[in-house]
Amino acid sequence: MKGYAEASKFPLVEIAGRKIPRIILGAHPYDGTTYTSKERDQEYLKRWTGPRSMVELMKPIVQRFGVTASRGFPPESELRSWHKEALRLTMEQLNTEIAIVLGSILPTKGSTDASRYVYRLNESLGGEEFRRKWRGDPIIRYGYEKKDSDQADMDDFASKASELPVEVPEDLKKTEVDYERLDAMLQSHRDLNVPVYASNERWELLVLTHRFDELQEAIELAKKRVGTFLLGTHNAGLVIPIAEQARLKLDGYLAPVNKAGILMFPTQKIAEQAIREAAKPLIGIKPLGGGRVKPEEAFRYVFDYLDVPATMVGIGSIQEAEETLGAAATVLKSKH
């Protein structure tokens, strides 16, 4: 089987000794998430009828465009299990390896909702600019619409969050990491090549509550199972400086990076500064802002303006692949 590095048509970068293609296929919309509307989400959920339906899109993206790295996620649902099987089938049919950038939430014992506290900390840094940005962020609004919530619900959330103290709430100090579940998640793709683990939500909770020893323990488990650990966050301007100051032994970060500033909190300017000043590299996500930024503008911002080493990008059709990956190739070619 041809290795992913050899088969990649995109340049490679090295992160903590691991070679990673600069373009990585995202998990959306394979998980039914489009970041546009519930209706469009449903279109994709109906489109996927099993792993082979996903292969129909995945296979030409690897074969024609040379994208040989993909986001992977633990099979916690039927749809996610289909995604893993689709990756395996695509590799088998093309005799080409796909590198997996695995991700998962930080599993905890009991329910943990730190969203109001995260809002409060962002507000303490970004003030009124953050409040306006949060209310107007199209992906935040999409999330509320998915829950059948409206503007009144957003306003109520923001109002209650603003009343919180910036001191760490007692319940968050006591949150327990479920190491057994975490280990199972980390090993969910052990039959594939997983050069990088890039965390999803909740990991930042241990940063914001300054539980650095416990976070380092979880990071060490991830590095033992995978080898390379990236801390993921939607709040780069808030989380990255704290992690940097704590001198955590991690290999980099994963965060939204797009010209529109979508999900770049607390403000785009503060997030950009944190990314530029970080001693560790960052893999970008949501470079197209959920389809709201034109591809060439998106990649010029990611690769030229912020000089980010690599980015994930969701592809929903061959037409999107031609436009998006063509733009990425053009921008990256101009850098060499």
C-alpha atoms as a PDB file:
ATOM      1  CA  MET A   1       0.000   0.000   0.000  1.00  0.00           C
ATOM      2  CA  LYS A   2       1.331   3.439  -0.934  1.00  0.00           C
ATOM      3  CA  GLY A   3       2.023   5.557   2.151  1.00  0.00           C
ATOM      4  CA  TYR A   4       0.052   8.749   2.778  1.00  0.00           C
ATOM      5  CA  ALA A   5       3.130  10.981   2.580  1.00  0.00           C
ATOM      6  CA  GLU A   6       4.178   9.541  -0.763  1.00  0.00           C
ATOM      7  CA  ALA A   7       0.648   9.731  -2.200  1.00  0.00           C
ATOM      8  CA  SER A   8      -0.133  13.291  -1.034  1.00  0.00           C
ATOM      9  CA  LYS A   9      -0.367  15.874  -3.798  1.00  0.00           C
ATOM     10  CA  PHE A  10      -0.157  18.635  -1.209  1.00  0.00           C
ATOM     11  CA  PRO A  11       3.068  19.735   0.510  1.00  0.00           C
ATOM     12  CA  LEU A  12       3.925  18.191   3.873  1.00  0.00           C
ATOM     13  CA  VAL A  13       4.873  19.921   7.115  1.00  0.00           C
ATOM     14  CA  GLU A  14       6.500  18.411  10.177  1.00  0.00           C
ATOM     15  CA  ILE A  15       4.862  18.675  13.579  1.00  0.00           C
ATOM     16  CA  ALA A  16       6.705  17.063  16.479  1.00  0.00           C
ATOM     17  CA  GLY A  17       8.575  14.842  14.045  1.00  0.00           C
ATOM     18  CA  ARG A  18       5.434  13.669  12.212  1.00  0.00           C
ATOM     19  CA  LYS A  19       4.896  14.591   8.566  1.00  0.00           C
ATOM     20  CA  ILE A  20       1.410  15.994   7.959  1.00  0.00           C
ATOM     21  CA  PRO A  21      -0.142  17.101   4.623  1.00  0.00           C
ATOM     22  CA  ARG A  22      -0.986  20.795   4.660  1.00  0.00           C
ATOM     23  CA  ILE A  23      -4.544  19.983   3.576  1.00  0.00           C
ATOM     24  CA  ILE A  24      -6.542  17.536   5.707  1.00  0.00           C
ATOM     25  CA  LEU A  25     -10.042  16.338   4.866  1.00  0.00           C
ATOM     26  CA  GLY A  26     -12.466  17.409   7.602  1.00  0.00           C
ATOM     27  CA  ALA A  27     -15.130  15.265   9.251  1.00  0.00           C
ATOM     28  CA  HIS A  28     -17.975  17.541   8.151  1.00  0.00           C
ATOM     29  CA  PRO A  29     -20.390  16.866   6.540  1.00  0.00           C
ATOM     30  CA  TYR A  30     -19.771  13.132   7.015  1.00  0.00           C
ATOM     31  CA  ASP A  31     -21.193  13.558  10.527  1.00  0.00           C
ATOM     32  CA  GLY A  32     -24.250  15.424   9.239  1.00  0.00           C
ATOM     33  CA  THR A  33     -22.943  18.840  10.280  1.00  0.00           C
ATOM     34  CA  THR A  34     -22.984  21.611   7.655  1.00  0.00           C
ATOM     35  CA  TYR A  35     -22.865  24.753   9.850  1.00  0.00           C
ATOM     36  CA  THR A  36     -25.590  26.301   7.685  1.00  0.00           C
ATOM     37  CA  SER A  37     -29.060  25.005   8.638  1.00  0.00           C
ATOM     38  CA  LYS A  38     -30.967  22.082  10.105  1.00  0.00           C
ATOM     39  CA  GLU A  39     -32.512  21.491   6.689  1.00  0.00           C
ATOM     40  CA  ARG A  40     -29.135  21.083   4.992  1.00  0.00           C
ATOM     41  CA  ASP A  41     -27.933  18.864   7.836  1.00  0.00           C
ATOM     42  CA  GLN A  42     -30.915  16.604   7.165  1.00  0.00           C
ATOM     43  CA  GLU A  43     -30.048  16.457   3.467  1.00  0.00           C
ATOM     44  CA  TYR A  44     -26.682  14.945   4.339  1.00  0.00           C
ATOM     45  CA  LEU A  45     -28.085  12.636   6.987  1.00  0.00           C
ATOM     46  CA  LYS A  46     -30.417  11.212   4.320  1.00  0.00           C
ATOM     47  CA  ARG A  47     -27.587  11.068   1.802  1.00  0.00           C
ATOM     48  CA  TRP A  48     -25.498   8.712   3.903  1.00  0.00           C
ATOM     49  CA  THR A  49     -26.982   5.240   3.726  1.00  0.00           C
ATOM     50  CA  GLY A  50     -23.900   3.380   4.872  1.00  0.00           C
ATOM     51  CA  PRO A  51     -20.100   3.425   4.527  1.00  0.00           C
ATOM     52  CA  ARG A  52     -20.172   2.891   0.758  1.00  0.00           C
ATOM     53  CA  SER A  53     -22.205   6.057   0.228  1.00  0.00           C
ATOM     54  CA  MET A  54     -19.414   7.976   1.985  1.00  0.00           C
ATOM     55  CA  VAL A  55     -16.774   6.211  -0.118  1.00  0.00           C
ATOM     56  CA  GLU A  56     -18.427   7.628  -3.264  1.00  0.00           C
ATOM     57  CA  LEU A  57     -17.308  11.094  -2.144  1.00  0.00           C
ATOM     58  CA  MET A  58     -14.167  10.171  -0.234  1.00  0.00           C
ATOM     59  CA  LYS A  59     -12.544   8.020  -2.914  1.00  0.00           C
ATOM     60  CA  PRO A  60     -12.251  10.662  -5.690  1.00  0.00           C
ATOM     61  CA  ILE A  61     -11.018  13.241  -3.168  1.00  0.00           C
ATOM     62  CA  VAL A  62      -8.083  10.933  -2.400  1.00  0.00           C
ATOM     63  CA  GLN A  63      -7.584   9.635  -5.946  1.00  0.00           C
ATOM     64  CA  ARG A  64      -8.041  12.805  -8.010  1.00  0.00           C
ATOM     65  CA  PHE A  65      -6.904  15.493  -5.625  1.00  0.00           C
ATOM     66  CA  GLY A  66      -4.322  13.653  -3.545  1.00  0.00           C
ATOM     67  CA  VAL A  67      -5.770  14.446  -0.110  1.00  0.00           C
ATOM     68  CA  THR A  68      -4.274  11.677   2.011  1.00  0.00           C
ATOM     69  CA  ALA A  69      -5.048  12.819   5.552  1.00  0.00           C
ATOM     70  CA  SER A  70      -8.450  12.932   7.201  1.00  0.00           C
ATOM     71  CA  ARG A  71     -10.030  13.890  10.468  1.00  0.00           C
ATOM     72  CA  GLY A  72     -11.249  10.814  12.287  1.00  0.00           C
ATOM     73  CA  PHE A  73     -13.587  10.541  15.239  1.00  0.00           C
ATOM     74  CA  PRO A  74     -14.389   7.684  17.616  1.00  0.00           C
ATOM     75  CA  PRO A  75     -17.370   5.532  16.505  1.00  0.00           C
ATOM     76  CA  GLU A  76     -19.808   6.677  19.181  1.00  0.00           C
ATOM     77  CA  SER A  77     -22.746   6.460  16.773  1.00  0.00           C
ATOM     78  CA  GLU A  78     -23.707   4.537  13.639  1.00  0.00           C
ATOM     79  CA  LEU A  79     -22.795   7.499  11.429  1.00  0.00           C
ATOM     80  CA  ARG A  80     -19.345   7.758  12.947  1.00  0.00           C
ATOM     81  CA  SER A  81     -18.789   4.016  12.614  1.00  0.00           C
ATOM     82  CA  TRP A  82     -19.691   4.355   8.936  1.00  0.00           C
ATOM     83  CA  HIS A  83     -17.051   7.078   8.575  1.00  0.00           C
ATOM     84  CA  LYS A  84     -14.285   4.851   9.924  1.00  0.00           C
ATOM     85  CA  GLU A  85     -15.362   1.989   7.676  1.00  0.00           C
ATOM     86  CA  ALA A  86     -15.498   4.377   4.686  1.00  0.00           C
ATOM     87  CA  LEU A  87     -11.901   5.394   5.360  1.00  0.00           C
ATOM     88  CA  ARG A  88     -10.860   1.736   5.494  1.00  0.00           C
ATOM     89  CA  LEU A  89     -12.722   0.867   2.276  1.00  0.00           C
ATOM     90  CA  THR A  90     -11.269   3.877   0.449  1.00  0.00           C
ATOM     91  CA  MET A  91      -7.736   2.866   1.405  1.00  0.00           C
ATOM     92  CA  GLU A  92      -8.402  -0.720   0.391  1.00  0.00           C
ATOM     93  CA  GLN A  93      -9.861   0.180  -3.003  1.00  0.00           C
ATOM     94  CA  LEU A  94      -7.109   2.679  -3.850  1.00  0.00           C
ATOM     95  CA  ASN A  95      -4.272   0.769  -2.186  1.00  0.00           C
ATOM     96  CA  THR A  96      -3.365   4.102  -0.617  1.00  0.00           C
ATOM     97  CA  GLU A  97      -2.937   4.964   3.048  1.00  0.00           C
ATOM     98  CA  ILE A  98      -4.888   7.808   4.658  1.00  0.00           C
ATOM     99  CA  ALA A  99      -3.367   9.344   7.789  1.00  0.00           C
ATOM    100  CA  ILE A 100      -5.914   9.928  10.548  1.00  0.00           C
ATOM    101  CA  VAL A 101      -5.958  13.067  12.703  1.00  0.00           C
ATOM    102  CA  LEU A 102      -8.015  11.613  15.522  1.00  0.00           C
ATOM    103  CA  GLY A 103     -10.156  13.750  17.807  1.00  0.00           C
ATOM    104  CA  SER A 104     -12.555  13.288  20.707  1.00  0.00           C
ATOM    105  CA  ILE A 105     -14.089  15.152  23.583  1.00  0.00           C
ATOM    106  CA  LEU A 106     -12.515  14.880  27.017  1.00  0.00           C
ATOM    107  CA  PRO A 107     -14.802  12.309  28.659  1.00  0.00           C
ATOM    108  CA  THR A 108     -15.788  13.241  32.181  1.00  0.00           C
ATOM    109  CA  LYS A 109     -17.757  11.566  34.936  1.00  0.00           C
ATOM    110  CA  GLY A 110     -21.093  13.304  35.231  1.00  0.00           C
ATOM    111  CA  SER A 111     -22.382  16.197  33.156  1.00  0.00           C
ATOM    112  CA  THR A 112     -20.132  19.195  32.647  1.00  0.00           C
ATOM    113  CA  ASP A 113     -21.385  22.415  31.096  1.00  0.00           C
ATOM    114  CA  ALA A 114     -18.718  25.099  31.192  1.00  0.00           C
ATOM    115  CA  SER A 115     -20.174  27.164  28.341  1.00  0.00           C
ATOM    116  CA  ARG A 116     -21.350  30.065  30.518  1.00  0.00           C
ATOM    117  CA  TYR A 117     -18.010  30.246  32.314  1.00  0.00           C
ATOM    118  CA  VAL A 118     -16.135  30.205  28.984  1.00  0.00           C
ATOM    119  CA  TYR A 119     -18.391  33.032  27.789  1.00  0.00           C
ATOM    120  CA  ARG A 120     -17.621  35.006  30.955  1.00  0.00           C
ATOM    121  CA  LEU A 121     -13.857  34.609  30.523  1.00  0.00           C
ATOM    122  CA  ASN A 122     -14.058  35.614  26.851  1.00  0.00           C
ATOM    123  CA  GLU A 123     -16.106  38.632  27.841  1.00  0.00           C
ATOM    124  CA  SER A 124     -13.481  39.638  30.407  1.00  0.00           C
ATOM    125  CA  LEU A 125     -10.936  39.845  27.570  1.00  0.00           C
ATOM    126  CA  GLY A 126     -13.033  41.029  24.641  1.00  0.00           C
ATOM    127  CA  GLY A 127     -15.684  43.180  26.317  1.00  0.00           C
ATOM    128  CA  GLU A 128     -18.395  44.643  24.103  1.00  0.00           C
ATOM    129  CA  GLU A 129     -16.591  43.567  20.931  1.00  0.00           C
ATOM    130  CA  PHE A 130     -16.806  39.943  22.089  1.00  0.00           C
ATOM    131  CA  ARG A 131     -20.478  40.301  23.030  1.00  0.00           C
ATOM    132  CA  ARG A 132     -21.352  41.664  19.577  1.00  0.00           C
ATOM    133  CA  LYS A 133     -19.218  39.037  17.856  1.00  0.00           C
ATOM    134  CA  TRP A 134     -20.717  36.145  19.814  1.00  0.00           C
ATOM    135  CA  ARG A 135     -24.291  37.239  19.119  1.00  0.00           C
ATOM    136  CA  GLY A 136     -23.578  37.678  15.413  1.00  0.00           C
ATOM    137  CA  ASP A 137     -21.428  34.588  14.855  1.00  0.00           C
ATOM    138  CA  PRO A 138     -23.251  32.488  12.226  1.00  0.00           C
ATOM    139  CA  ILE A 139     -22.079  29.144  13.610  1.00  0.00           C
ATOM    140  CA  ILE A 140     -23.099  30.078  17.153  1.00  0.00           C
ATOM    141  CA  ARG A 141     -26.515  31.045  15.780  1.00  0.00           C
ATOM    142  CA  TYR A 142     -26.673  27.810  13.784  1.00  0.00           C
ATOM    143  CA  GLY A 143     -26.052  25.871  17.004  1.00  0.00           C
ATOM    144  CA  TYR A 144     -28.960  27.606  18.712  1.00  0.00           C
ATOM    145  CA  GLU A 145     -31.245  27.025  15.727  1.00  0.00           C
ATOM    146  CA  LYS A 146     -30.397  23.309  15.794  1.00  0.00           C
ATOM    147  CA  LYS A 147     -31.706  23.227  19.361  1.00  0.00           C
ATOM    148  CA  ASP A 148     -34.876  25.097  18.267  1.00  0.00           C
ATOM    149  CA  SER A 149     -33.729  28.092  20.319  1.00  0.00           C
ATOM    150  CA  ASP A 150     -34.135  31.737  19.336  1.00  0.00           C
ATOM    151  CA  GLN A 151     -32.664  35.179  20.002  1.00  0.00           C
ATOM    152  CA  ALA A 152     -34.358  35.344  23.406  1.00  0.00           C
ATOM    153  CA  ASP A 153     -32.545  32.163  24.446  1.00  0.00           C
ATOM    154  CA  MET A 154     -29.222  33.602  23.290  1.00  0.00           C
ATOM    155  CA  ASP A 155     -29.855  36.813  25.201  1.00  0.00           C
ATOM    156  CA  ASP A 156     -30.817  34.889  28.343  1.00  0.00           C
ATOM    157  CA  PHE A 157     -27.650  32.769  28.136  1.00  0.00           C
ATOM    158  CA  ALA A 158     -25.426  35.830  27.654  1.00  0.00           C
ATOM    159  CA  SER A 159     -27.115  37.755  30.464  1.00  0.00           C
ATOM    160  CA  LYS A 160     -26.687  34.939  32.980  1.00  0.00           C
ATOM    161  CA  ALA A 161     -23.120  34.255  31.863  1.00  0.00           C
ATOM    162  CA  SER A 162     -22.182  37.930  32.293  1.00  0.00           C
ATOM    163  CA  GLU A 163     -23.259  37.784  35.935  1.00  0.00           C
ATOM    164  CA  LEU A 164     -20.788  35.018  36.785  1.00  0.00           C
ATOM    165  CA  PRO A 165     -17.566  35.815  38.637  1.00  0.00           C
ATOM    166  CA  VAL A 166     -14.319  35.173  36.771  1.00  0.00           C
ATOM    167  CA  GLU A 167     -13.143  32.897  39.586  1.00  0.00           C
ATOM    168  CA  VAL A 168     -13.340  29.200  38.775  1.00  0.00           C
ATOM    169  CA  PRO A 169     -16.720  27.713  39.792  1.00  0.00           C
ATOM    170  CA  GLU A 170     -16.449  24.989  42.431  1.00  0.00           C
ATOM    171  CA  ASP A 171     -18.230  22.363  40.319  1.00  0.00           C
ATOM    172  CA  LEU A 172     -15.682  22.783  37.511  1.00  0.00           C
ATOM    173  CA  LYS A 173     -12.804  22.347  39.944  1.00  0.00           C
ATOM    174  CA  LYS A 174     -14.227  18.938  40.857  1.00  0.00           C
ATOM    175  CA  THR A 175     -14.840  17.628  37.343  1.00  0.00           C
ATOM    176  CA  GLU A 176     -13.399  14.118  37.034  1.00  0.00           C
ATOM    177  CA  VAL A 177     -11.754  12.849  33.852  1.00  0.00           C
ATOM    178  CA  ASP A 178     -12.967   9.403  32.805  1.00  0.00           C
ATOM    179  CA  TYR A 179      -9.603   7.866  31.884  1.00  0.00           C
ATOM    180  CA  GLU A 180     -11.096   4.501  30.936  1.00  0.00           C
ATOM    181  CA  ARG A 181     -13.336   6.082  28.292  1.00  0.00           C
ATOM    182  CA  LEU A 182     -10.526   8.362  27.157  1.00  0.00           C
ATOM    183  CA  ASP A 183      -8.217   5.414  26.612  1.00  0.00           C
ATOM    184  CA  ALA A 184     -10.911   3.615  24.598  1.00  0.00           C
ATOM    185  CA  MET A 185     -11.369   6.712  22.420  1.00  0.00           C
ATOM    186  CA  LEU A 186      -7.635   7.032  21.861  1.00  0.00           C
ATOM    187  CA  GLN A 187      -7.412   3.415  20.735  1.00  0.00           C
ATOM    188  CA  SER A 188     -10.547   3.454  18.569  1.00  0.00           C
ATOM    189  CA  HIS A 189      -8.481   3.781  15.356  1.00  0.00           C
ATOM    190  CA  ARG A 190      -5.432   1.768  16.417  1.00  0.00           C
ATOM    191  CA  ASP A 191      -5.756  -0.387  13.298  1.00  0.00           C
ATOM    192  CA  LEU A 192      -5.062   2.711  11.155  1.00  0.00           C
ATOM    193  CA  ASN A 193      -2.130   5.136  10.956  1.00  0.00           C
ATOM    194  CA  VAL A 194      -2.901   7.916  13.450  1.00  0.00           C
ATOM    195  CA  PRO A 195       0.063  10.330  13.505  1.00  0.00           C
ATOM    196  CA  VAL A 196      -1.804  13.072  15.410  1.00  0.00           C
ATOM    197  CA  TYR A 197      -4.433  13.339  18.139  1.00  0.00           C
ATOM    198  CA  ALA A 198      -6.110  16.766  18.141  1.00  0.00           C
ATOM    199  CA  SER A 199      -8.574  17.210  20.985  1.00  0.00           C
ATOM    200  CA  ASN A 200     -12.162  18.414  20.752  1.00  0.00           C
ATOM    201  CA  GLU A 201     -14.317  20.147  23.318  1.00  0.00           C
ATOM    202  CA  ARG A 202     -13.902  20.037  27.115  1.00  0.00           C
ATOM    203  CA  TRP A 203     -10.122  19.648  27.081  1.00  0.00           C
ATOM    204  CA  GLU A 204      -9.852  23.419  27.378  1.00  0.00           C
ATOM    205  CA  LEU A 205     -11.798  23.187  30.646  1.00  0.00           C
ATOM    206  CA  LEU A 206      -8.666  21.872  32.375  1.00  0.00           C
ATOM    207  CA  VAL A 207      -6.710  24.839  30.993  1.00  0.00           C
ATOM    208  CA  LEU A 208      -9.232  27.438  32.104  1.00  0.00           C
ATOM    209  CA  THR A 209      -9.486  25.945  35.592  1.00  0.00           C
ATOM    210  CA  HIS A 210      -5.658  25.787  35.814  1.00  0.00           C
ATOM    211  CA  ARG A 211      -5.686  22.030  36.448  1.00  0.00           C
ATOM    212  CA  PHE A 212      -2.425  21.693  34.585  1.00  0.00           C
ATOM    213  CA  ASP A 213      -1.116  18.567  36.322  1.00  0.00           C
ATOM    214  CA  GLU A 214      -4.287  16.654  35.487  1.00  0.00           C
ATOM    215  CA  LEU A 215      -4.293  17.980  31.945  1.00  0.00           C
ATOM    216  CA  GLN A 216      -0.675  16.900  31.516  1.00  0.00           C
ATOM    217  CA  GLU A 217      -1.614  13.415  32.726  1.00  0.00           C
ATOM    218  CA  ALA A 218      -4.341  13.199  30.058  1.00  0.00           C
ATOM    219  CA  ILE A 219      -1.957  14.584  27.431  1.00  0.00           C
ATOM    220  CA  GLU A 220       0.669  11.976  28.346  1.00  0.00           C
ATOM    221  CA  LEU A 221      -1.905   9.221  27.872  1.00  0.00           C
ATOM    222  CA  ALA A 222      -2.761  10.619  24.426  1.00  0.00           C
ATOM    223  CA  LYS A 223       0.915  10.863  23.502  1.00  0.00           C
ATOM    224  CA  LYS A 224       1.531   7.313  24.720  1.00  0.00           C
ATOM    225  CA  ARG A 225      -1.246   5.997  22.488  1.00  0.00           C
ATOM    226  CA  VAL A 226      -0.705   8.269  19.456  1.00  0.00           C
ATOM    227  CA  GLY A 227       2.558  10.181  19.837  1.00  0.00           C
ATOM    228  CA  THR A 228       1.549  13.730  18.948  1.00  0.00           C
ATOM    229  CA  PHE A 229      -0.975  15.842  20.869  1.00  0.00           C
ATOM    230  CA  LEU A 230      -2.658  19.075  19.740  1.00  0.00           C
ATOM    231  CA  LEU A 231      -4.905  20.996  22.124  1.00  0.00           C
ATOM    232  CA  GLY A 232      -8.154  21.938  20.399  1.00  0.00           C
ATOM    233  CA  THR A 233     -10.211  25.046  21.199  1.00  0.00           C
ATOM    234  CA  HIS A 234     -12.697  27.472  19.672  1.00  0.00           C
ATOM    235  CA  ASN A 235     -11.329  30.128  22.009  1.00  0.00           C
ATOM    236  CA  ALA A 236      -7.772  30.544  20.766  1.00  0.00           C
ATOM    237  CA  GLY A 237      -7.268  34.028  22.176  1.00  0.00           C
ATOM    238  CA  LEU A 238      -8.323  32.858  25.623  1.00  0.00           C
ATOM    239  CA  VAL A 239      -6.897  29.341  25.873  1.00  0.00           C
ATOM    240  CA  ILE A 240      -3.600  29.401  23.965  1.00  0.00           C
ATOM    241  CA  PRO A 241      -1.894  32.135  26.068  1.00  0.00           C
ATOM    242  CA  ILE A 242      -2.778  30.303  29.297  1.00  0.00           C
ATOM    243  CA  ALA A 243      -1.480  27.003  27.925  1.00  0.00           C
ATOM    244  CA  GLU A 244       1.705  28.680  26.705  1.00  0.00           C
ATOM    245  CA  GLN A 245       2.327  30.353  30.052  1.00  0.00           C
ATOM    246  CA  ALA A 246       1.792  27.016  31.833  1.00  0.00           C
ATOM    247  CA  ARG A 247       4.497  25.458  29.607  1.00  0.00           C
ATOM    248  CA  LEU A 248       2.417  22.360  28.996  1.00  0.00           C
ATOM    249  CA  LYS A 249       4.253  19.546  27.237  1.00  0.00           C
ATOM    250  CA  LEU A 250       2.059  19.446  24.155  1.00  0.00           C
ATOM    251  CA  ASP A 251       2.904  19.580  20.450  1.00  0.00           C
ATOM    252  CA  GLY A 252       0.597  22.299  19.169  1.00  0.00           C
ATOM    253  CA  TYR A 253      -2.955  23.546  18.858  1.00  0.00           C
ATOM    254  CA  LEU A 254      -6.098  23.141  16.771  1.00  0.00           C
ATOM    255  CA  ALA A 255      -8.426  26.121  16.341  1.00  0.00           C
ATOM    256  CA  PRO A 256     -10.706  27.944  13.883  1.00  0.00           C
ATOM    257  CA  VAL A 257      -8.794  30.159  11.466  1.00  0.00           C
ATOM    258  CA  ASN A 258     -10.754  32.024   8.789  1.00  0.00           C
ATOM    259  CA  LYS A 259     -10.851  35.460   7.223  1.00  0.00           C
ATOM    260  CA  ALA A 260     -14.383  36.119   8.510  1.00  0.00           C
ATOM    261  CA  GLY A 261     -13.286  35.512  12.117  1.00  0.00           C
ATOM    262  CA  ILE A 262     -16.026  32.929  12.667  1.00  0.00           C
ATOM    263  CA  LEU A 263     -15.532  31.095  15.982  1.00  0.00           C
ATOM    264  CA  MET A 264     -12.279  32.988  16.544  1.00  0.00           C
ATOM    265  CA  PHE A 265     -12.884  34.074  20.144  1.00  0.00           C
ATOM    266  CA  PRO A 266     -12.850  36.261  22.122  1.00  0.00           C
ATOM    267  CA  THR A 267     -12.181  38.514  19.111  1.00  0.00           C
ATOM    268  CA  GLN A 268     -10.487  37.868  15.802  1.00  0.00           C
ATOM    269  CA  LYS A 269      -7.648  40.258  16.632  1.00  0.00           C
ATOM    270  CA  ILE A 270      -6.942  38.636  20.008  1.00  0.00           C
ATOM    271  CA  ALA A 271      -7.117  35.134  18.488  1.00  0.00           C
ATOM    272  CA  GLU A 272      -4.735  36.112  15.684  1.00  0.00           C
ATOM    273  CA  GLN A 273      -2.249  37.521  18.177  1.00  0.00           C
ATOM    274  CA  ALA A 274      -2.355  34.346  20.277  1.00  0.00           C
ATOM    275  CA  ILE A 275      -1.770  32.167  17.203  1.00  0.00           C
ATOM    276  CA  ARG A 276       1.147  34.300  16.020  1.00  0.00           C
ATOM    277  CA  GLU A 277       2.818  34.425  19.424  1.00  0.00           C
ATOM    278  CA  ALA A 278       2.420  30.741  20.277  1.00  0.00           C
ATOM    279  CA  ALA A 279       5.676  28.790  20.454  1.00  0.00           C
ATOM    280  CA  LYS A 280       3.899  25.689  19.150  1.00  0.00           C
ATOM    281  CA  PRO A 281       2.358  25.195  15.654  1.00  0.00           C
ATOM    282  CA  LEU A 282      -1.362  25.219  14.953  1.00  0.00           C
ATOM    283  CA  ILE A 283      -3.600  23.280  12.584  1.00  0.00           C
ATOM    284  CA  GLY A 284      -6.507  25.405  11.433  1.00  0.00           C
ATOM    285  CA  ILE A 285     -10.123  24.326  11.204  1.00  0.00           C
ATOM    286  CA  LYS A 286     -13.121  25.957   9.536  1.00  0.00           C
ATOM    287  CA  PRO A 287     -11.003  27.907   6.999  1.00  0.00           C
ATOM    288  CA  LEU A 288     -14.112  28.493   4.845  1.00  0.00           C
ATOM    289  CA  GLY A 289     -16.197  29.561   7.833  1.00  0.00           C
ATOM    290  CA  GLY A 290     -18.870  26.982   7.044  1.00  0.00           C
ATOM    291  CA  GLY A 291     -18.955  27.993   3.378  1.00  0.00           C
ATOM    292  CA  ARG A 292     -18.979  31.739   4.052  1.00  0.00           C
ATOM    293  CA  VAL A 293     -15.475  32.572   2.778  1.00  0.00           C
ATOM    294  CA  LYS A 294     -14.393  32.141  -0.849  1.00  0.00           C
ATOM    295  CA  PRO A 295     -11.786  29.378  -1.109  1.00  0.00           C
ATOM    296  CA  GLU A 296      -8.834  31.338  -2.486  1.00  0.00           C
ATOM    297  CA  GLU A 297      -9.384  34.179   0.008  1.00  0.00           C
ATOM    298  CA  ALA A 298      -9.670  31.545   2.735  1.00  0.00           C
ATOM    299  CA  PHE A 299      -6.360  29.870   1.978  1.00  0.00           C
ATOM    300  CA  ARG A 300      -4.480  33.127   1.454  1.00  0.00           C
ATOM    301  CA  TYR A 301      -5.574  34.161   4.938  1.00  0.00           C
ATOM    302  CA  VAL A 302      -4.630  30.794   6.478  1.00  0.00           C
ATOM    303  CA  PHE A 303      -1.317  30.159   4.716  1.00  0.00           C
ATOM    304  CA  ASP A 304      -0.092  33.648   3.795  1.00  0.00           C
ATOM    305  CA  TYR A 305      -1.530  36.049   6.381  1.00  0.00           C
ATOM    306  CA  LEU A 306      -1.285  33.792   9.467  1.00  0.00           C
ATOM    307  CA  ASP A 307       1.308  31.338   8.133  1.00  0.00           C
ATOM    308  CA  VAL A 308      -0.553  28.353   9.605  1.00  0.00           C
ATOM    309  CA  PRO A 309       1.187  25.025   8.787  1.00  0.00           C
ATOM    310  CA  ALA A 310      -1.917  22.991   7.881  1.00  0.00           C
ATOM    311  CA  THR A 311      -5.693  23.169   7.846  1.00  0.00           C
ATOM    312  CA  MET A 312      -8.678  20.849   7.767  1.00  0.00           C
ATOM    313  CA  VAL A 313     -11.430  21.527   5.253  1.00  0.00           C
ATOM    314  CA  GLY A 314     -14.860  19.950   4.894  1.00  0.00           C
ATOM    315  CA  ILE A 315     -15.864  18.858   1.389  1.00  0.00           C
ATOM    316  CA  GLY A 316     -19.484  18.034   0.575  1.00  0.00           C
ATOM    317  CA  SER A 317     -19.360  17.320  -3.157  1.00  0.00           C
ATOM    318  CA  ILE A 318     -16.986  16.827  -6.072  1.00  0.00           C
ATOM    319  CA  GLN A 319     -17.868  20.339  -7.250  1.00  0.00           C
ATOM    320  CA  GLU A 320     -16.787  21.704  -3.861  1.00  0.00           C
ATOM    321  CA  ALA A 321     -13.627  19.599  -4.061  1.00  0.00           C
ATOM    322  CA  GLU A 322     -12.703  21.039  -7.446  1.00  0.00           C
ATOM    323  CA  GLU A 323     -13.185  24.626  -6.315  1.00  0.00           C
ATOM    324  CA  THR A 324     -11.817  24.329  -2.781  1.00  0.00           C
ATOM    325  CA  LEU A 325      -8.870  22.013  -3.338  1.00  0.00           C
ATOM    326  CA  GLY A 326      -7.988  23.769  -6.579  1.00  0.00           C
ATOM    327  CA  ALA A 327      -7.765  27.057  -4.666  1.00  0.00           C
ATOM    328  CA  ALA A 328      -5.653  25.433  -1.930  1.00  0.00           C
ATOM    329  CA  ALA A 329      -3.248  24.009  -4.519  1.00  0.00           C
ATOM    330  CA  THR A 330      -2.920  27.415  -6.207  1.00  0.00           C
ATOM    331  CA  VAL A 331      -2.161  29.229  -2.954  1.00  0.00           C
ATOM    332  CA  LEU A 332       0.313  26.614  -1.730  1.00  0.00           C
ATOM    333  CA  LYS A 333       2.062  26.470  -5.099  1.00  0.00           C
ATOM    334  CA  SER A 334       2.614  30.234  -4.949  1.00  0.00           C
ATOM    335  CA  LYS A 335       4.502  29.756  -1.665  1.00  0.00           C
ATOM    336  CA  HIS A 336       7.137  27.492  -3.236  1.00  0.00           C
END
